[in-house]
Amino acid sequence: MNILNKLAIKGIAVAAVISLGACAGMSNQDKSAVAGAGIGAVGGAVLTGGSAIGTVGGAAVGGYLGNEVGKRK
């Protein structure tokens, strides 16, 4: 593994830790919306072969569904 890959992995890990800390003050509905958007983005990217439109569309649909599910908790 070259230095650039190691640096990228460490950067992603730091960004993940910081973003998880930002969820501390969120409601269950907000957390569900964010989780749904993330899952939807990955699903949209996989289904469309990495297309930007598929990723954004999946994030939008997943965020909406996560928001609706979060209302019921």
N, C-alpha and C. Protein backbone atom coordinates (compact mmCIF):
# COMPACT_ATOMS: atom_id res chain seq x y z
N MET A 1 0.85 -1.17 0.00
CA MET A 1 0.00 0.00 0.00
C MET A 1 0.90 1.24 0.00
N ASN A 2 0.66 2.13 -0.91
CA ASN A 2 1.52 3.31 -0.97
C ASN A 2 1.07 4.38 0.02
N ILE A 3 1.88 5.41 0.14
CA ILE A 3 1.65 6.46 1.13
C ILE A 3 0.33 7.19 0.90
N LEU A 4 -0.03 7.42 -0.35
CA LEU A 4 -1.27 8.13 -0.66
C LEU A 4 -2.49 7.34 -0.19
N ASN A 5 -2.49 6.03 -0.39
CA ASN A 5 -3.61 5.19 0.07
C ASN A 5 -3.71 5.20 1.59
N LYS A 6 -2.56 5.11 2.27
CA LYS A 6 -2.57 5.14 3.74
C LYS A 6 -3.11 6.46 4.25
N LEU A 7 -2.71 7.55 3.61
CA LEU A 7 -3.18 8.87 4.01
C LEU A 7 -4.68 9.01 3.77
N ALA A 8 -5.16 8.48 2.66
CA ALA A 8 -6.59 8.55 2.35
C ALA A 8 -7.40 7.76 3.37
N ILE A 9 -6.93 6.58 3.74
CA ILE A 9 -7.65 5.76 4.72
C ILE A 9 -7.69 6.46 6.08
N LYS A 10 -6.58 7.05 6.49
CA LYS A 10 -6.56 7.78 7.77
C LYS A 10 -7.48 8.99 7.72
N GLY A 11 -7.51 9.69 6.59
CA GLY A 11 -8.40 10.84 6.45
C GLY A 11 -9.87 10.45 6.53
N ILE A 12 -10.21 9.34 5.90
CA ILE A 12 -11.59 8.85 5.95
C ILE A 12 -11.96 8.46 7.38
N ALA A 13 -11.03 7.82 8.08
CA ALA A 13 -11.31 7.41 9.46
C ALA A 13 -11.53 8.64 10.35
N VAL A 14 -10.73 9.66 10.19
CA VAL A 14 -10.89 10.89 10.99
C VAL A 14 -12.22 11.56 10.66
N ALA A 15 -12.57 11.61 9.38
CA ALA A 15 -13.84 12.22 8.98
C ALA A 15 -15.02 11.45 9.55
N ALA A 16 -14.92 10.13 9.60
CA ALA A 16 -16.01 9.31 10.15
C ALA A 16 -16.19 9.58 11.64
N VAL A 17 -15.09 9.67 12.37
CA VAL A 17 -15.17 9.94 13.81
C VAL A 17 -15.77 11.31 14.07
N ILE A 18 -15.35 12.31 13.32
CA ILE A 18 -15.88 13.67 13.50
C ILE A 18 -17.37 13.71 13.15
N SER A 19 -17.76 13.04 12.08
CA SER A 19 -19.17 13.08 11.68
C SER A 19 -20.05 12.34 12.67
N LEU A 20 -19.55 11.28 13.29
CA LEU A 20 -20.34 10.58 14.30
C LEU A 20 -20.53 11.44 15.54
N GLY A 21 -19.56 12.24 15.85
CA GLY A 21 -19.68 13.15 16.99
C GLY A 21 -20.73 14.22 16.76
N ALA A 22 -20.97 14.54 15.51
CA ALA A 22 -21.97 15.56 15.18
C ALA A 22 -23.39 15.07 15.42
N CYS A 23 -23.59 13.78 15.54
CA CYS A 23 -24.93 13.21 15.71
C CYS A 23 -25.40 13.25 17.17
N ALA A 24 -24.58 13.72 18.08
CA ALA A 24 -24.91 13.65 19.50
C ALA A 24 -26.19 14.41 19.84
N GLY A 25 -26.44 15.56 19.22
CA GLY A 25 -27.60 16.35 19.57
C GLY A 25 -28.79 16.15 18.65
N MET A 26 -28.75 15.13 17.83
CA MET A 26 -29.83 14.93 16.85
C MET A 26 -30.97 14.12 17.45
N SER A 27 -32.17 14.36 16.96
CA SER A 27 -33.31 13.56 17.37
C SER A 27 -33.27 12.21 16.65
N ASN A 28 -34.10 11.27 17.09
CA ASN A 28 -34.18 9.97 16.43
C ASN A 28 -34.60 10.12 14.97
N GLN A 29 -35.49 11.05 14.70
CA GLN A 29 -35.95 11.26 13.34
C GLN A 29 -34.81 11.77 12.46
N ASP A 30 -34.00 12.68 12.97
CA ASP A 30 -32.87 13.19 12.22
C ASP A 30 -31.84 12.09 11.96
N LYS A 31 -31.56 11.29 12.98
CA LYS A 31 -30.61 10.19 12.83
C LYS A 31 -31.10 9.19 11.78
N SER A 32 -32.40 8.90 11.80
CA SER A 32 -32.96 7.98 10.82
C SER A 32 -32.85 8.54 9.41
N ALA A 33 -33.07 9.84 9.26
CA ALA A 33 -32.97 10.46 7.95
C ALA A 33 -31.54 10.41 7.42
N VAL A 34 -30.56 10.67 8.28
CA VAL A 34 -29.16 10.63 7.87
C VAL A 34 -28.75 9.20 7.51
N ALA A 35 -29.16 8.24 8.33
CA ALA A 35 -28.82 6.84 8.05
C ALA A 35 -29.48 6.40 6.74
N GLY A 36 -30.73 6.78 6.54
CA GLY A 36 -31.42 6.43 5.30
C GLY A 36 -30.76 7.04 4.08
N ALA A 37 -30.30 8.27 4.21
CA ALA A 37 -29.62 8.93 3.10
C ALA A 37 -28.32 8.22 2.76
N GLY A 38 -27.58 7.82 3.77
CA GLY A 38 -26.33 7.10 3.54
C GLY A 38 -26.56 5.75 2.88
N ILE A 39 -27.52 5.01 3.39
CA ILE A 39 -27.83 3.70 2.82
C ILE A 39 -28.38 3.86 1.41
N GLY A 40 -29.23 4.85 1.21
CA GLY A 40 -29.78 5.10 -0.12
C GLY A 40 -28.73 5.51 -1.13
N ALA A 41 -27.76 6.30 -0.70
CA ALA A 41 -26.68 6.73 -1.60
C ALA A 41 -25.86 5.53 -2.05
N VAL A 42 -25.53 4.64 -1.11
CA VAL A 42 -24.77 3.45 -1.46
C VAL A 42 -25.59 2.56 -2.39
N GLY A 43 -26.86 2.37 -2.05
CA GLY A 43 -27.73 1.55 -2.90
C GLY A 43 -27.89 2.13 -4.30
N GLY A 44 -28.08 3.43 -4.38
CA GLY A 44 -28.22 4.08 -5.68
C GLY A 44 -26.96 3.98 -6.51
N ALA A 45 -25.82 4.10 -5.86
CA ALA A 45 -24.54 3.98 -6.58
C ALA A 45 -24.34 2.56 -7.09
N VAL A 46 -24.69 1.59 -6.28
CA VAL A 46 -24.53 0.19 -6.69
C VAL A 46 -25.47 -0.14 -7.84
N LEU A 47 -26.71 0.27 -7.72
CA LEU A 47 -27.70 -0.07 -8.75
C LEU A 47 -27.44 0.60 -10.10
N THR A 48 -26.80 1.78 -10.07
CA THR A 48 -26.57 2.50 -11.32
C THR A 48 -25.12 2.46 -11.76
N GLY A 49 -24.32 1.62 -11.14
CA GLY A 49 -22.93 1.49 -11.54
C GLY A 49 -22.07 2.69 -11.19
N GLY A 50 -22.40 3.39 -10.13
CA GLY A 50 -21.59 4.53 -9.68
C GLY A 50 -21.99 5.86 -10.27
N SER A 51 -23.14 5.92 -10.91
CA SER A 51 -23.61 7.17 -11.50
C SER A 51 -23.90 8.20 -10.42
N ALA A 52 -23.52 9.45 -10.69
CA ALA A 52 -23.77 10.52 -9.71
C ALA A 52 -25.27 10.75 -9.51
N ILE A 53 -26.02 10.67 -10.59
CA ILE A 53 -27.48 10.87 -10.48
C ILE A 53 -28.10 9.76 -9.65
N GLY A 54 -27.66 8.53 -9.85
CA GLY A 54 -28.18 7.41 -9.06
C GLY A 54 -27.83 7.54 -7.59
N THR A 55 -26.62 8.02 -7.31
CA THR A 55 -26.19 8.19 -5.93
C THR A 55 -27.00 9.27 -5.24
N VAL A 56 -27.17 10.40 -5.91
CA VAL A 56 -27.94 11.51 -5.32
C VAL A 56 -29.42 11.13 -5.19
N GLY A 57 -29.95 10.48 -6.20
CA GLY A 57 -31.34 10.03 -6.14
C GLY A 57 -31.56 9.04 -5.02
N GLY A 58 -30.64 8.09 -4.87
CA GLY A 58 -30.74 7.12 -3.78
C GLY A 58 -30.67 7.78 -2.42
N ALA A 59 -29.80 8.79 -2.30
CA ALA A 59 -29.68 9.52 -1.03
C ALA A 59 -30.97 10.27 -0.71
N ALA A 60 -31.56 10.87 -1.73
CA ALA A 60 -32.81 11.62 -1.52
C ALA A 60 -33.94 10.69 -1.09
N VAL A 61 -34.09 9.59 -1.79
CA VAL A 61 -35.16 8.64 -1.46
C VAL A 61 -34.89 8.02 -0.09
N GLY A 62 -33.65 7.62 0.17
CA GLY A 62 -33.32 7.03 1.46
C GLY A 62 -33.50 8.01 2.61
N GLY A 63 -33.14 9.26 2.40
CA GLY A 63 -33.33 10.27 3.44
C GLY A 63 -34.80 10.50 3.75
N TYR A 64 -35.62 10.52 2.71
CA TYR A 64 -37.06 10.70 2.91
C TYR A 64 -37.65 9.50 3.68
N LEU A 65 -37.29 8.30 3.24
CA LEU A 65 -37.82 7.11 3.91
C LEU A 65 -37.33 7.02 5.35
N GLY A 66 -36.05 7.35 5.58
CA GLY A 66 -35.53 7.34 6.94
C GLY A 66 -36.23 8.36 7.82
N ASN A 67 -36.54 9.51 7.27
CA ASN A 67 -37.28 10.54 8.00
C ASN A 67 -38.67 10.04 8.39
N GLU A 68 -39.33 9.39 7.46
CA GLU A 68 -40.68 8.88 7.75
C GLU A 68 -40.64 7.77 8.79
N VAL A 69 -39.66 6.88 8.70
CA VAL A 69 -39.53 5.81 9.68
C VAL A 69 -39.20 6.40 11.05
N GLY A 70 -38.37 7.43 11.09
CA GLY A 70 -38.00 8.07 12.35
C GLY A 70 -39.15 8.73 13.05
N LYS A 71 -40.19 9.13 12.32
CA LYS A 71 -41.37 9.75 12.94
C LYS A 71 -42.12 8.76 13.80
N ARG A 72 -42.03 7.48 13.46
CA ARG A 72 -42.81 6.45 14.15
C ARG A 72 -42.14 5.97 15.43
N LYS A 73 -40.89 6.32 15.66
CA LYS A 73 -40.19 5.84 16.85
C LYS A 73 -40.53 6.66 18.06
